[in-house]
Amino acid sequence: MARALIHMQATAKRGEVIEIRVLIAHPMETGFRPGADGKVLARDIIRRFTCRYNGEVVFAAELHPAISANPYIAFYTVATDSGALEFKWEGDRGFAQTATMPITVAA
C-alpha cells in the first residue's frame, strides 16, 4: 500500500473556498526505461485520481507516463456541508488506494 499525504482544513465556513493538496508515494514507471539487465521495465503508473465530497465528484484527473514519481496534486473546492472527502488513486497492475478526510462546515 502506498503512503498518501493529504493536507486540507479540518473546518471551514459554508461557501468558503478551500485548498486541498495530496501527494502519494508511487514510482510511476513509464514503461520506456531500460532496467539493469537492459530489458524495458514494465509500465506502472497511476492512471486516475478522483476526489469526492459527500459522494459527489469535485475533482478528477487522468495521469499519463510523463507525470513524475510521487505525484502531487493541488486543487480547490467550495465547502458546502460537513462530511467527508474521499480520495481515490487507480493505476496499473490493479493498484488502487483510497483515503478519507473529514471536514466540519459551520454556518
PDB file of N, CA and C in Angstrom:
ATOM      1  N   MET A   1       0.843  -1.172   0.000  1.00  0.00           N
ATOM      2  CA  MET A   1       0.000   0.000   0.000  1.00  0.00           C
ATOM      3  C   MET A   1       0.896   1.247   0.000  1.00  0.00           C
ATOM      4  N   ALA A   2       0.583   2.195  -0.845  1.00  0.00           N
ATOM      5  CA  ALA A   2       1.358   3.431  -0.964  1.00  0.00           C
ATOM      6  C   ALA A   2       0.979   4.397   0.157  1.00  0.00           C
ATOM      7  N   ARG A   3       1.908   5.256   0.491  1.00  0.00           N
ATOM      8  CA  ARG A   3       1.653   6.249   1.525  1.00  0.00           C
ATOM      9  C   ARG A   3       1.072   7.499   0.887  1.00  0.00           C
ATOM     10  N   ALA A   4      -0.085   7.937   1.380  1.00  0.00           N
ATOM     11  CA  ALA A   4      -0.736   9.139   0.863  1.00  0.00           C
ATOM     12  C   ALA A   4      -0.685  10.232   1.921  1.00  0.00           C
ATOM     13  N   LEU A   5      -0.347  11.444   1.500  1.00  0.00           N
ATOM     14  CA  LEU A   5      -0.363  12.606   2.373  1.00  0.00           C
ATOM     15  C   LEU A   5      -1.431  13.557   1.867  1.00  0.00           C
ATOM     16  N   ILE A   6      -2.300  13.980   2.765  1.00  0.00           N
ATOM     17  CA  ILE A   6      -3.393  14.889   2.405  1.00  0.00           C
ATOM     18  C   ILE A   6      -3.336  16.091   3.333  1.00  0.00           C
ATOM     19  N   HIS A   7      -3.355  17.273   2.741  1.00  0.00           N
ATOM     20  CA  HIS A   7      -3.330  18.496   3.530  1.00  0.00           C
ATOM     21  C   HIS A   7      -4.546  19.329   3.141  1.00  0.00           C
ATOM     22  N   MET A   8      -5.409  19.571   4.133  1.00  0.00           N
ATOM     23  CA  MET A   8      -6.600  20.397   3.923  1.00  0.00           C
ATOM     24  C   MET A   8      -7.097  20.872   5.278  1.00  0.00           C
ATOM     25  N   GLN A   9      -7.953  21.866   5.273  1.00  0.00           N
ATOM     26  CA  GLN A   9      -8.535  22.379   6.501  1.00  0.00           C
ATOM     27  C   GLN A   9      -9.483  21.346   7.095  1.00  0.00           C
ATOM     28  N   ALA A  10      -9.548  21.288   8.418  1.00  0.00           N
ATOM     29  CA  ALA A  10     -10.500  20.391   9.089  1.00  0.00           C
ATOM     30  C   ALA A  10     -11.848  21.070   9.267  1.00  0.00           C
ATOM     31  N   THR A  11     -11.845  22.414   9.289  1.00  0.00           N
ATOM     32  CA  THR A  11     -13.080  23.176   9.445  1.00  0.00           C
ATOM     33  C   THR A  11     -13.101  24.309   8.429  1.00  0.00           C
ATOM     34  N   ALA A  12     -14.308  24.729   8.077  1.00  0.00           N
ATOM     35  CA  ALA A  12     -14.475  25.842   7.137  1.00  0.00           C
ATOM     36  C   ALA A  12     -15.865  26.436   7.321  1.00  0.00           C
ATOM     37  N   LYS A  13     -16.055  27.646   6.815  1.00  0.00           N
ATOM     38  CA  LYS A  13     -17.374  28.272   6.813  1.00  0.00           C
ATOM     39  C   LYS A  13     -18.082  27.893   5.520  1.00  0.00           C
ATOM     40  N   ARG A  14     -19.390  27.762   5.569  1.00  0.00           N
ATOM     41  CA  ARG A  14     -20.169  27.433   4.368  1.00  0.00           C
ATOM     42  C   ARG A  14     -19.898  28.463   3.273  1.00  0.00           C
ATOM     43  N   GLY A  15     -19.577  27.989   2.083  1.00  0.00           N
ATOM     44  CA  GLY A  15     -19.289  28.856   0.948  1.00  0.00           C
ATOM     45  C   GLY A  15     -17.824  29.238   0.814  1.00  0.00           C
ATOM     46  N   GLU A  16     -17.012  28.896   1.795  1.00  0.00           N
ATOM     47  CA  GLU A  16     -15.584  29.218   1.750  1.00  0.00           C
ATOM     48  C   GLU A  16     -14.865  28.304   0.750  1.00  0.00           C
ATOM     49  N   VAL A  17     -13.932  28.878   0.005  1.00  0.00           N
ATOM     50  CA  VAL A  17     -13.120  28.101  -0.919  1.00  0.00           C
ATOM     51  C   VAL A  17     -11.966  27.506  -0.124  1.00  0.00           C
ATOM     52  N   ILE A  18     -11.786  26.203  -0.239  1.00  0.00           N
ATOM     53  CA  ILE A  18     -10.706  25.537   0.491  1.00  0.00           C
ATOM     54  C   ILE A  18      -9.719  24.912  -0.497  1.00  0.00           C
ATOM     55  N   GLU A  19      -8.451  24.935  -0.098  1.00  0.00           N
ATOM     56  CA  GLU A  19      -7.409  24.315  -0.916  1.00  0.00           C
ATOM     57  C   GLU A  19      -7.140  22.913  -0.380  1.00  0.00           C
ATOM     58  N   ILE A  20      -6.985  21.979  -1.298  1.00  0.00           N
ATOM     59  CA  ILE A  20      -6.695  20.594  -0.950  1.00  0.00           C
ATOM     60  C   ILE A  20      -5.424  20.201  -1.690  1.00  0.00           C
ATOM     61  N   ARG A  21      -4.465  19.631  -0.954  1.00  0.00           N
ATOM     62  CA  ARG A  21      -3.202  19.193  -1.546  1.00  0.00           C
ATOM     63  C   ARG A  21      -2.996  17.727  -1.198  1.00  0.00           C
ATOM     64  N   VAL A  22      -2.714  16.916  -2.206  1.00  0.00           N
ATOM     65  CA  VAL A  22      -2.499  15.481  -1.988  1.00  0.00           C
ATOM     66  C   VAL A  22      -1.209  15.042  -2.670  1.00  0.00           C
ATOM     67  N   LEU A  23      -0.542  14.086  -2.038  1.00  0.00           N
ATOM     68  CA  LEU A  23       0.674  13.513  -2.588  1.00  0.00           C
ATOM     69  C   LEU A  23       0.633  12.026  -2.253  1.00  0.00           C
ATOM     70  N   ILE A  24       1.012  11.203  -3.201  1.00  0.00           N
ATOM     71  CA  ILE A  24       1.063   9.768  -2.952  1.00  0.00           C
ATOM     72  C   ILE A  24       2.435   9.236  -3.376  1.00  0.00           C
ATOM     73  N   ALA A  25       2.984   8.375  -2.542  1.00  0.00           N
ATOM     74  CA  ALA A  25       4.280   7.765  -2.839  1.00  0.00           C
ATOM     75  C   ALA A  25       4.074   6.644  -3.851  1.00  0.00           C
ATOM     76  N   HIS A  26       4.611   6.837  -5.049  1.00  0.00           N
ATOM     77  CA  HIS A  26       4.469   5.848  -6.121  1.00  0.00           C
ATOM     78  C   HIS A  26       5.585   6.076  -7.135  1.00  0.00           C
ATOM     79  N   PRO A  27       6.255   5.016  -7.617  1.00  0.00           N
ATOM     80  CA  PRO A  27       7.399   5.202  -8.514  1.00  0.00           C
ATOM     81  C   PRO A  27       7.065   5.724  -9.915  1.00  0.00           C
ATOM     82  N   MET A  28       5.842   5.504 -10.394  1.00  0.00           N
ATOM     83  CA  MET A  28       5.423   5.980 -11.718  1.00  0.00           C
ATOM     84  C   MET A  28       6.407   5.571 -12.819  1.00  0.00           C
ATOM     85  N   GLU A  29       6.604   4.293 -13.006  1.00  0.00           N
ATOM     86  CA  GLU A  29       7.498   3.770 -14.052  1.00  0.00           C
ATOM     87  C   GLU A  29       6.804   3.900 -15.407  1.00  0.00           C
ATOM     88  N   THR A  30       7.454   4.550 -16.369  1.00  0.00           N
ATOM     89  CA  THR A  30       6.845   4.882 -17.664  1.00  0.00           C
ATOM     90  C   THR A  30       6.661   3.705 -18.612  1.00  0.00           C
ATOM     91  N   GLY A  31       7.487   2.674 -18.463  1.00  0.00           N
ATOM     92  CA  GLY A  31       7.437   1.561 -19.403  1.00  0.00           C
ATOM     93  C   GLY A  31       8.357   1.764 -20.596  1.00  0.00           C
ATOM     94  N   PHE A  32       9.154   2.825 -20.578  1.00  0.00           N
ATOM     95  CA  PHE A  32      10.088   3.111 -21.668  1.00  0.00           C
ATOM     96  C   PHE A  32      11.549   2.993 -21.234  1.00  0.00           C
ATOM     97  N   ARG A  33      11.796   2.924 -19.949  1.00  0.00           N
ATOM     98  CA  ARG A  33      13.153   2.965 -19.409  1.00  0.00           C
ATOM     99  C   ARG A  33      13.727   1.555 -19.275  1.00  0.00           C
ATOM    100  N   PRO A  34      14.984   1.362 -19.688  1.00  0.00           N
ATOM    101  CA  PRO A  34      15.601   0.036 -19.532  1.00  0.00           C
ATOM    102  C   PRO A  34      16.058  -0.195 -18.097  1.00  0.00           C
ATOM    103  N   GLY A  35      15.956  -1.441 -17.647  1.00  0.00           N
ATOM    104  CA  GLY A  35      16.426  -1.813 -16.327  1.00  0.00           C
ATOM    105  C   GLY A  35      17.900  -2.167 -16.359  1.00  0.00           C
ATOM    106  N   ALA A  36      18.418  -2.671 -15.248  1.00  0.00           N
ATOM    107  CA  ALA A  36      19.832  -3.026 -15.136  1.00  0.00           C
ATOM    108  C   ALA A  36      20.219  -4.123 -16.124  1.00  0.00           C
ATOM    109  N   ASP A  37      19.249  -4.980 -16.486  1.00  0.00           N
ATOM    110  CA  ASP A  37      19.538  -6.079 -17.425  1.00  0.00           C
ATOM    111  C   ASP A  37      19.356  -5.673 -18.888  1.00  0.00           C
ATOM    112  N   GLY A  38      18.998  -4.404 -19.121  1.00  0.00           N
ATOM    113  CA  GLY A  38      18.816  -3.912 -20.487  1.00  0.00           C
ATOM    114  C   GLY A  38      17.408  -4.071 -21.022  1.00  0.00           C
ATOM    115  N   LYS A  39      16.571  -4.845 -20.338  1.00  0.00           N
ATOM    116  CA  LYS A  39      15.175  -5.018 -20.758  1.00  0.00           C
ATOM    117  C   LYS A  39      14.334  -3.851 -20.248  1.00  0.00           C
ATOM    118  N   VAL A  40      13.336  -3.501 -21.021  1.00  0.00           N
ATOM    119  CA  VAL A  40      12.459  -2.390 -20.652  1.00  0.00           C
ATOM    120  C   VAL A  40      11.652  -2.779 -19.413  1.00  0.00           C
ATOM    121  N   LEU A  41      11.630  -1.868 -18.436  1.00  0.00           N
ATOM    122  CA  LEU A  41      10.850  -2.087 -17.219  1.00  0.00           C
ATOM    123  C   LEU A  41       9.367  -1.967 -17.540  1.00  0.00           C
ATOM    124  N   ALA A  42       8.557  -2.788 -16.910  1.00  0.00           N
ATOM    125  CA  ALA A  42       7.111  -2.775 -17.148  1.00  0.00           C
ATOM    126  C   ALA A  42       6.506  -1.454 -16.668  1.00  0.00           C
ATOM    127  N   ARG A  43       5.538  -0.978 -17.408  1.00  0.00           N
ATOM    128  CA  ARG A  43       4.846   0.259 -17.039  1.00  0.00           C
ATOM    129  C   ARG A  43       4.104   0.054 -15.724  1.00  0.00           C
ATOM    130  N   ASP A  44       4.177   1.057 -14.853  1.00  0.00           N
ATOM    131  CA  ASP A  44       3.482   1.021 -13.573  1.00  0.00           C
ATOM    132  C   ASP A  44       3.191   2.452 -13.164  1.00  0.00           C
ATOM    133  N   ILE A  45       2.046   2.972 -13.602  1.00  0.00           N
ATOM    134  CA  ILE A  45       1.689   4.358 -13.294  1.00  0.00           C
ATOM    135  C   ILE A  45       0.316   4.425 -12.644  1.00  0.00           C
ATOM    136  N   ILE A  46       0.074   5.540 -11.979  1.00  0.00           N
ATOM    137  CA  ILE A  46      -1.275   5.848 -11.506  1.00  0.00           C
ATOM    138  C   ILE A  46      -1.970   6.490 -12.700  1.00  0.00           C
ATOM    139  N   ARG A  47      -3.108   5.957 -13.083  1.00  0.00           N
ATOM    140  CA  ARG A  47      -3.801   6.448 -14.268  1.00  0.00           C
ATOM    141  C   ARG A  47      -4.899   7.455 -13.950  1.00  0.00           C
ATOM    142  N   ARG A  48      -5.483   7.369 -12.755  1.00  0.00           N
ATOM    143  CA  ARG A  48      -6.629   8.225 -12.457  1.00  0.00           C
ATOM    144  C   ARG A  48      -6.640   8.612 -10.978  1.00  0.00           C
ATOM    145  N   PHE A  49      -6.982   9.868 -10.729  1.00  0.00           N
ATOM    146  CA  PHE A  49      -7.191  10.376  -9.375  1.00  0.00           C
ATOM    147  C   PHE A  49      -8.573  10.999  -9.332  1.00  0.00           C
ATOM    148  N   THR A  50      -9.327  10.709  -8.268  1.00  0.00           N
ATOM    149  CA  THR A  50     -10.673  11.262  -8.111  1.00  0.00           C
ATOM    150  C   THR A  50     -10.868  11.711  -6.670  1.00  0.00           C
ATOM    151  N   CYS A  51     -11.511  12.862  -6.492  1.00  0.00           N
ATOM    152  CA  CYS A  51     -11.893  13.340  -5.162  1.00  0.00           C
ATOM    153  C   CYS A  51     -13.403  13.508  -5.144  1.00  0.00           C
ATOM    154  N   ARG A  52     -14.040  12.881  -4.165  1.00  0.00           N
ATOM    155  CA  ARG A  52     -15.491  13.004  -3.966  1.00  0.00           C
ATOM    156  C   ARG A  52     -15.756  13.712  -2.643  1.00  0.00           C
ATOM    157  N   TYR A  53     -16.675  14.646  -2.667  1.00  0.00           N
ATOM    158  CA  TYR A  53     -17.078  15.388  -1.475  1.00  0.00           C
ATOM    159  C   TYR A  53     -18.505  14.972  -1.174  1.00  0.00           C
ATOM    160  N   ASN A  54     -18.698  14.233  -0.099  1.00  0.00           N
ATOM    161  CA  ASN A  54     -20.001  13.666   0.255  1.00  0.00           C
ATOM    162  C   ASN A  54     -20.618  12.907  -0.927  1.00  0.00           C
ATOM    163  N   GLY A  55     -19.790  12.146  -1.620  1.00  0.00           N
ATOM    164  CA  GLY A  55     -20.247  11.302  -2.718  1.00  0.00           C
ATOM    165  C   GLY A  55     -20.254  11.946  -4.089  1.00  0.00           C
ATOM    166  N   GLU A  56     -20.094  13.261  -4.168  1.00  0.00           N
ATOM    167  CA  GLU A  56     -20.117  13.972  -5.452  1.00  0.00           C
ATOM    168  C   GLU A  56     -18.685  14.264  -5.910  1.00  0.00           C
ATOM    169  N   VAL A  57     -18.388  13.947  -7.161  1.00  0.00           N
ATOM    170  CA  VAL A  57     -17.046  14.207  -7.692  1.00  0.00           C
ATOM    171  C   VAL A  57     -16.836  15.718  -7.786  1.00  0.00           C
ATOM    172  N   VAL A  58     -15.765  16.201  -7.131  1.00  0.00           N
ATOM    173  CA  VAL A  58     -15.424  17.624  -7.190  1.00  0.00           C
ATOM    174  C   VAL A  58     -14.138  17.866  -7.965  1.00  0.00           C
ATOM    175  N   PHE A  59     -13.343  16.790  -8.156  1.00  0.00           N
ATOM    176  CA  PHE A  59     -12.110  16.915  -8.936  1.00  0.00           C
ATOM    177  C   PHE A  59     -11.710  15.537  -9.424  1.00  0.00           C
ATOM    178  N   ALA A  60     -11.267  15.472 -10.676  1.00  0.00           N
ATOM    179  CA  ALA A  60     -10.763  14.216 -11.239  1.00  0.00           C
ATOM    180  C   ALA A  60      -9.652  14.555 -12.232  1.00  0.00           C
ATOM    181  N   ALA A  61      -8.672  13.660 -12.314  1.00  0.00           N
ATOM    182  CA  ALA A  61      -7.557  13.867 -13.244  1.00  0.00           C
ATOM    183  C   ALA A  61      -7.121  12.534 -13.819  1.00  0.00           C
ATOM    184  N   GLU A  62      -6.793  12.538 -15.113  1.00  0.00           N
ATOM    185  CA  GLU A  62      -6.211  11.371 -15.770  1.00  0.00           C
ATOM    186  C   GLU A  62      -4.716  11.633 -15.844  1.00  0.00           C
ATOM    187  N   LEU A  63      -3.924  10.691 -15.361  1.00  0.00           N
ATOM    188  CA  LEU A  63      -2.476  10.854 -15.335  1.00  0.00           C
ATOM    189  C   LEU A  63      -1.837  10.000 -16.426  1.00  0.00           C
ATOM    190  N   HIS A  64      -0.690  10.436 -16.924  1.00  0.00           N
ATOM    191  CA  HIS A  64      -0.002   9.777 -18.028  1.00  0.00           C
ATOM    192  C   HIS A  64       1.456   9.524 -17.642  1.00  0.00           C
ATOM    193  N   PRO A  65       2.190   8.750 -18.439  1.00  0.00           N
ATOM    194  CA  PRO A  65       3.577   8.417 -18.088  1.00  0.00           C
ATOM    195  C   PRO A  65       4.484   9.621 -17.847  1.00  0.00           C
ATOM    196  N   ALA A  66       4.166  10.788 -18.335  1.00  0.00           N
ATOM    197  CA  ALA A  66       5.027  11.952 -18.150  1.00  0.00           C
ATOM    198  C   ALA A  66       4.936  12.543 -16.744  1.00  0.00           C
ATOM    199  N   ILE A  67       4.003  12.091 -15.932  1.00  0.00           N
ATOM    200  CA  ILE A  67       3.866  12.579 -14.561  1.00  0.00           C
ATOM    201  C   ILE A  67       5.016  12.022 -13.723  1.00  0.00           C
ATOM    202  N   SER A  68       5.565  12.848 -12.859  1.00  0.00           N
ATOM    203  CA  SER A  68       6.708  12.435 -12.041  1.00  0.00           C
ATOM    204  C   SER A  68       6.325  11.406 -10.985  1.00  0.00           C
ATOM    205  N   ALA A  69       7.333  10.775 -10.434  1.00  0.00           N
ATOM    206  CA  ALA A  69       7.121   9.861  -9.309  1.00  0.00           C
ATOM    207  C   ALA A  69       6.544  10.661  -8.148  1.00  0.00           C
ATOM    208  N   ASN A  70       5.795   9.991  -7.298  1.00  0.00           N
ATOM    209  CA  ASN A  70       5.169  10.623  -6.131  1.00  0.00           C
ATOM    210  C   ASN A  70       4.324  11.834  -6.547  1.00  0.00           C
ATOM    211  N   PRO A  71       3.313  11.611  -7.384  1.00  0.00           N
ATOM    212  CA  PRO A  71       2.554  12.742  -7.915  1.00  0.00           C
ATOM    213  C   PRO A  71       1.879  13.589  -6.838  1.00  0.00           C
ATOM    214  N   TYR A  72       2.014  14.899  -7.006  1.00  0.00           N
ATOM    215  CA  TYR A  72       1.435  15.914  -6.118  1.00  0.00           C
ATOM    216  C   TYR A  72       0.348  16.629  -6.890  1.00  0.00           C
ATOM    217  N   ILE A  73      -0.830  16.750  -6.296  1.00  0.00           N
ATOM    218  CA  ILE A  73      -1.957  17.421  -6.947  1.00  0.00           C
ATOM    219  C   ILE A  73      -2.545  18.423  -5.958  1.00  0.00           C
ATOM    220  N   ALA A  74      -2.807  19.641  -6.412  1.00  0.00           N
ATOM    221  CA  ALA A  74      -3.440  20.672  -5.591  1.00  0.00           C
ATOM    222  C   ALA A  74      -4.652  21.200  -6.355  1.00  0.00           C
ATOM    223  N   PHE A  75      -5.747  21.390  -5.643  1.00  0.00           N
ATOM    224  CA  PHE A  75      -6.970  21.902  -6.260  1.00  0.00           C
ATOM    225  C   PHE A  75      -7.818  22.578  -5.193  1.00  0.00           C
ATOM    226  N   TYR A  76      -8.889  23.232  -5.618  1.00  0.00           N
ATOM    227  CA  TYR A  76      -9.783  23.956  -4.720  1.00  0.00           C
ATOM    228  C   TYR A  76     -11.205  23.426  -4.868  1.00  0.00           C
ATOM    229  N   THR A  77     -11.975  23.554  -3.789  1.00  0.00           N
ATOM    230  CA  THR A  77     -13.403  23.271  -3.846  1.00  0.00           C
ATOM    231  C   THR A  77     -14.091  24.196  -2.851  1.00  0.00           C
ATOM    232  N   VAL A  78     -15.400  24.243  -2.901  1.00  0.00           N
ATOM    233  CA  VAL A  78     -16.174  25.092  -2.011  1.00  0.00           C
ATOM    234  C   VAL A  78     -16.755  24.234  -0.893  1.00  0.00           C
ATOM    235  N   ALA A  79     -16.594  24.690   0.344  1.00  0.00           N
ATOM    236  CA  ALA A  79     -17.150  23.979   1.497  1.00  0.00           C
ATOM    237  C   ALA A  79     -18.668  24.186   1.507  1.00  0.00           C
ATOM    238  N   THR A  80     -19.415  23.100   1.412  1.00  0.00           N
ATOM    239  CA  THR A  80     -20.875  23.208   1.375  1.00  0.00           C
ATOM    240  C   THR A  80     -21.534  22.623   2.619  1.00  0.00           C
ATOM    241  N   ASP A  81     -21.144  21.426   3.004  1.00  0.00           N
ATOM    242  CA  ASP A  81     -21.724  20.734   4.149  1.00  0.00           C
ATOM    243  C   ASP A  81     -20.644  19.949   4.875  1.00  0.00           C
ATOM    244  N   SER A  82     -20.888  19.671   6.144  1.00  0.00           N
ATOM    245  CA  SER A  82     -19.988  18.789   6.881  1.00  0.00           C
ATOM    246  C   SER A  82     -20.068  17.398   6.282  1.00  0.00           C
ATOM    247  N   GLY A  83     -18.984  16.674   6.348  1.00  0.00           N
ATOM    248  CA  GLY A  83     -18.976  15.327   5.782  1.00  0.00           C
ATOM    249  C   GLY A  83     -17.561  14.850   5.583  1.00  0.00           C
ATOM    250  N   ALA A  84     -17.337  14.183   4.476  1.00  0.00           N
ATOM    251  CA  ALA A  84     -16.019  13.614   4.212  1.00  0.00           C
ATOM    252  C   ALA A  84     -15.635  13.798   2.755  1.00  0.00           C
ATOM    253  N   LEU A  85     -14.340  13.943   2.543  1.00  0.00           N
ATOM    254  CA  LEU A  85     -13.783  13.938   1.198  1.00  0.00           C
ATOM    255  C   LEU A  85     -13.076  12.607   1.026  1.00  0.00           C
ATOM    256  N   GLU A  86     -13.392  11.932  -0.074  1.00  0.00           N
ATOM    257  CA  GLU A  86     -12.780  10.639  -0.368  1.00  0.00           C
ATOM    258  C   GLU A  86     -11.837  10.814  -1.552  1.00  0.00           C
ATOM    259  N   PHE A  87     -10.612  10.364  -1.384  1.00  0.00           N
ATOM    260  CA  PHE A  87      -9.592  10.474  -2.412  1.00  0.00           C
ATOM    261  C   PHE A  87      -9.269   9.076  -2.914  1.00  0.00           C
ATOM    262  N   LYS A  88      -9.267   8.897  -4.237  1.00  0.00           N
ATOM    263  CA  LYS A  88      -9.019   7.568  -4.796  1.00  0.00           C
ATOM    264  C   LYS A  88      -8.014   7.665  -5.933  1.00  0.00           C
ATOM    265  N   TRP A  89      -6.987   6.821  -5.839  1.00  0.00           N
ATOM    266  CA  TRP A  89      -5.973   6.704  -6.875  1.00  0.00           C
ATOM    267  C   TRP A  89      -6.112   5.322  -7.492  1.00  0.00           C
ATOM    268  N   GLU A  90      -6.082   5.231  -8.836  1.00  0.00           N
ATOM    269  CA  GLU A  90      -6.177   3.950  -9.530  1.00  0.00           C
ATOM    270  C   GLU A  90      -5.063   3.877 -10.563  1.00  0.00           C
ATOM    271  N   GLY A  91      -4.475   2.679 -10.724  1.00  0.00           N
ATOM    272  CA  GLY A  91      -3.366   2.576 -11.657  1.00  0.00           C
ATOM    273  C   GLY A  91      -3.182   1.201 -12.234  1.00  0.00           C
ATOM    274  N   ASP A  92      -2.022   1.025 -12.861  1.00  0.00           N
ATOM    275  CA  ASP A  92      -1.667  -0.240 -13.485  1.00  0.00           C
ATOM    276  C   ASP A  92      -1.478  -1.326 -12.429  1.00  0.00           C
ATOM    277  N   ARG A  93      -1.488  -2.555 -12.889  1.00  0.00           N
ATOM    278  CA  ARG A  93      -1.269  -3.729 -12.040  1.00  0.00           C
ATOM    279  C   ARG A  93      -2.269  -3.828 -10.895  1.00  0.00           C
ATOM    280  N   GLY A  94      -3.473  -3.307 -11.101  1.00  0.00           N
ATOM    281  CA  GLY A  94      -4.514  -3.393 -10.084  1.00  0.00           C
ATOM    282  C   GLY A  94      -4.338  -2.437  -8.919  1.00  0.00           C
ATOM    283  N   PHE A  95      -3.452  -1.453  -9.069  1.00  0.00           N
ATOM    284  CA  PHE A  95      -3.215  -0.506  -7.982  1.00  0.00           C
ATOM    285  C   PHE A  95      -4.470   0.306  -7.696  1.00  0.00           C
ATOM    286  N   ALA A  96      -4.860   0.360  -6.439  1.00  0.00           N
ATOM    287  CA  ALA A  96      -5.986   1.191  -6.004  1.00  0.00           C
ATOM    288  C   ALA A  96      -5.749   1.575  -4.554  1.00  0.00           C
ATOM    289  N   GLN A  97      -5.906   2.837  -4.268  1.00  0.00           N
ATOM    290  CA  GLN A  97      -5.766   3.313  -2.895  1.00  0.00           C
ATOM    291  C   GLN A  97      -6.817   4.370  -2.644  1.00  0.00           C
ATOM    292  N   THR A  98      -7.420   4.307  -1.464  1.00  0.00           N
ATOM    293  CA  THR A  98      -8.445   5.255  -1.078  1.00  0.00           C
ATOM    294  C   THR A  98      -8.099   5.820   0.290  1.00  0.00           C
ATOM    295  N   ALA A  99      -8.337   7.111   0.461  1.00  0.00           N
ATOM    296  CA  ALA A  99      -8.152   7.770   1.751  1.00  0.00           C
ATOM    297  C   ALA A  99      -9.341   8.701   1.964  1.00  0.00           C
ATOM    298  N   THR A 100      -9.691   8.925   3.206  1.00  0.00           N
ATOM    299  CA  THR A 100     -10.837   9.773   3.540  1.00  0.00           C
ATOM    300  C   THR A 100     -10.420  10.791   4.584  1.00  0.00           C
ATOM    301  N   MET A 101     -10.901  12.029   4.417  1.00  0.00           N
ATOM    302  CA  MET A 101     -10.644  13.095   5.385  1.00  0.00           C
ATOM    303  C   MET A 101     -11.964  13.771   5.722  1.00  0.00           C
ATOM    304  N   PRO A 102     -12.247  13.953   7.009  1.00  0.00           N
ATOM    305  CA  PRO A 102     -13.490  14.628   7.399  1.00  0.00           C
ATOM    306  C   PRO A 102     -13.337  16.151   7.316  1.00  0.00           C
ATOM    307  N   ILE A 103     -14.454  16.827   7.137  1.00  0.00           N
ATOM    308  CA  ILE A 103     -14.476  18.293   7.180  1.00  0.00           C
ATOM    309  C   ILE A 103     -15.738  18.716   7.920  1.00  0.00           C
ATOM    310  N   THR A 104     -15.595  19.705   8.778  1.00  0.00           N
ATOM    311  CA  THR A 104     -16.732  20.259   9.508  1.00  0.00           C
ATOM    312  C   THR A 104     -17.004  21.647   8.956  1.00  0.00           C
ATOM    313  N   VAL A 105     -18.233  21.867   8.511  1.00  0.00           N
ATOM    314  CA  VAL A 105     -18.614  23.160   7.913  1.00  0.00           C
ATOM    315  C   VAL A 105     -19.592  23.860   8.835  1.00  0.00           C
ATOM    316  N   ALA A 106     -19.255  25.081   9.212  1.00  0.00           N
ATOM    317  CA  ALA A 106     -20.098  25.899  10.079  1.00  0.00           C
ATOM    318  C   ALA A 106     -20.861  26.910   9.241  1.00  0.00           C
ATOM    319  N   ALA A 107     -22.027  27.280   9.726  1.00  0.00           N
ATOM    320  CA  ALA A 107     -22.865  28.256   9.018  1.00  0.00           C
ATOM    321  C   ALA A 107     -22.316  29.602   9.103  1.00  0.00           C
TER     322      ALA A 107
END
